């Protein structure tokens, strides 16, 4: 075990012991399970927010402690996408009508420098925020923003209470885009259904335009970083947004697409994918990109294995995490690009041609990562501090997308 791991494990044990001795369980000892519903049982404490997994049979809500489903799958039709809503309790499920709120039933209760999580209700669907072709959901600066690809709608919610819209806006033409609340500004894309290459910063939700950059072909995705900065991907680099200013950072290749990104509030560096073949029906990249939003430098790192758009994540201290098709989760120092750990999680796998088909997917929340394995209908919990798989559970359906309600 490396010194880094020893320190992380020791700290985790010390904190856990302090929390238990100071707070107690605060409940009546009621065990999970049984025939009573959560609304009929006394409130019980769990270790953290629940997980939501999509399958062909519907949407499963998993208990964080055991990874076991909480009841039967909730109904869903067609290809279903899920995104955290921002409060640790709710998740948005994309439907034909818009973004439907799913209550996982676990509520976060602030307690000094930490939170307790208590079961308050059974998982169930709530209201739907109407949008044509619901697309990206972003969480930043205390605001959750919903973007409708089919109507250009932008809906802004309070991340601490994402049950009501507090502001709305729109873009001139519908397109596959994104919007994010950033240091009081609204960062968004503009384009059409056929072409998109523009990034805009507005003063507030619907204020005057502060900055515009039209040189971002195929603009796609976003990620926020430390110090109030963000990155938007292009087919030839990225655009860095820095407190109302936009800067283009070019890829070293004429076509170097960075369409999927993962950011961390603990790092100024954004992790991105990197593709170089515009004509490939399915490109299996083996390099990732690291974009320093402070220095505006872009570094490429060769992993020696391919990965997919669902392979990117960030650790609790800003570590870059990439799940390879060799089945290993790589931990990468975002400053140096050096691979500092390699955790074997699942068997080697091959990316399907259809992007909607299930593939191993990485989700991260704090010190814990989860990896789905469609081939075995399993989900694996990874202890990032210890660098090992902590537990594995087989699900009643083939997992596709996965999200922790606590992920931001």
Foldseek 3Di string as FASTA:
>chain_A
DDPLLVVVVVVVVVVVVVCCVVPPFPWDPDDPDDDDFLQVDTKGWADFFWKWFQFPQAIFIAGPVPRATQDDHDDADDQWDWAFLQARFWIWIQHQFATKIKGCQWHWDDDPPGTIIIRNGHIDIDDGDGAHQWADWDDDPQWIWTAHQQFQKIFIAGSNDRPDTPDIDGAPERDRWDWDCFPQWIWIWDDYPVWTQKIWIARHDDHHTLDMDRHATPWADKEAEAPRKMWIWGQFAIWIDHPSDIDGQGDPARGWTFHAWYYDNLAQKIKTQTDDDPPDLDDFDQKIWIARSVVRDIDIAGNVFGADSQFWYAEQNGWTWGQGLQQWIWTADSVPRDTPAIARHDHRHDDDSDPSDADWGWEDDYQWIWIFHQVQQKIWIARNSNRYTPDMDHDPGRTHDMYGNRDD
